[in-house]
């Protein structure tokens, strides 16, 4: 769990501004790799899918902000 969200937000802002927008396919690959890692660590899938839904919404916003709009 991330305790200092301000540091994470600063990192995300620097990453996005330095890297530009990530193509949708690349964002999906990154998400899939992170999901597989979570499964291997035994933390995914969650026992209660609605628990921490705010995190899912935040992830969706981040992925959507990284995708290139056509």
Protein backbone atom coordinates (compact mmCIF):
# COMPACT_ATOMS: atom_id res chain seq x y z
CA UNK A 1 0.00 0.00 0.00
CA UNK A 2 1.28 3.45 -0.84
CA UNK A 3 1.49 5.62 2.25
CA UNK A 4 2.87 8.85 0.75
CA UNK A 5 0.68 9.58 -2.24
CA UNK A 6 2.30 12.98 -2.79
CA UNK A 7 5.63 11.35 -3.69
CA UNK A 8 3.84 8.96 -6.05
CA UNK A 9 1.97 11.82 -7.71
CA UNK A 10 5.23 13.74 -8.23
CA UNK A 11 6.82 10.62 -9.74
CA UNK A 12 3.87 10.08 -12.08
CA UNK A 13 3.94 13.72 -13.17
CA UNK A 14 7.68 13.60 -13.89
CA UNK A 15 7.37 10.26 -15.67
CA UNK A 16 4.53 11.37 -17.91
CA UNK A 17 6.14 14.70 -18.74
CA UNK A 18 9.49 13.04 -19.49
CA UNK A 19 8.17 10.07 -21.43
CA UNK A 20 5.23 11.58 -23.21
CA UNK A 21 2.07 9.59 -23.72
CA UNK A 22 2.36 5.82 -23.71
CA UNK A 23 0.61 4.03 -26.58
CA UNK A 24 -2.42 2.00 -25.51
CA UNK A 25 -0.78 -1.30 -26.47
CA UNK A 26 2.27 -0.55 -24.32
CA UNK A 27 0.05 0.47 -21.39
CA UNK A 28 -1.82 -2.85 -21.70
CA UNK A 29 1.48 -4.76 -21.75
CA UNK A 30 2.65 -2.94 -18.61
CA UNK A 31 -0.65 -3.60 -16.86
CA UNK A 32 -0.58 -7.29 -17.83
CA UNK A 33 2.97 -7.70 -16.57
CA UNK A 34 2.08 -6.05 -13.27
CA UNK A 35 -1.01 -8.24 -12.96
CA UNK A 36 1.02 -11.42 -13.56
CA UNK A 37 3.51 -10.31 -10.92
CA UNK A 38 0.66 -9.74 -8.46
CA UNK A 39 -0.69 -13.23 -9.18
CA UNK A 40 2.77 -14.75 -8.61
CA UNK A 41 3.05 -12.87 -5.31
CA UNK A 42 -0.38 -14.16 -4.28
CA UNK A 43 -2.01 -10.74 -3.89
CA UNK A 44 -4.16 -10.94 -7.04
CA UNK A 45 -6.97 -11.55 -7.74
CA UNK A 46 -8.49 -9.99 -4.64
CA UNK A 47 -10.84 -12.02 -2.46
CA UNK A 48 -13.36 -9.15 -2.52
CA UNK A 49 -13.28 -7.43 -5.94
CA UNK A 50 -15.14 -4.38 -4.62
CA UNK A 51 -12.65 -3.77 -1.83
CA UNK A 52 -10.50 -0.73 -2.56
CA UNK A 53 -12.44 0.14 -5.72
CA UNK A 54 -10.94 3.63 -5.46
CA UNK A 55 -7.56 2.13 -6.36
CA UNK A 56 -9.04 0.54 -9.48
CA UNK A 57 -10.55 3.85 -10.53
CA UNK A 58 -7.21 5.60 -9.99
CA UNK A 59 -5.41 2.94 -12.06
CA UNK A 60 -7.93 3.40 -14.87
CA UNK A 61 -7.38 7.16 -14.81
CA UNK A 62 -3.61 6.70 -14.96
CA UNK A 63 -3.82 4.24 -17.85
CA UNK A 64 -6.26 6.48 -19.70
CA UNK A 65 -3.97 9.48 -19.23
CA UNK A 66 -1.10 7.48 -20.73
CA UNK A 67 -2.94 6.39 -23.84
CA UNK A 68 -2.70 8.37 -27.05
CA UNK A 69 -6.04 9.81 -28.12
CA UNK A 70 -6.81 9.40 -31.81
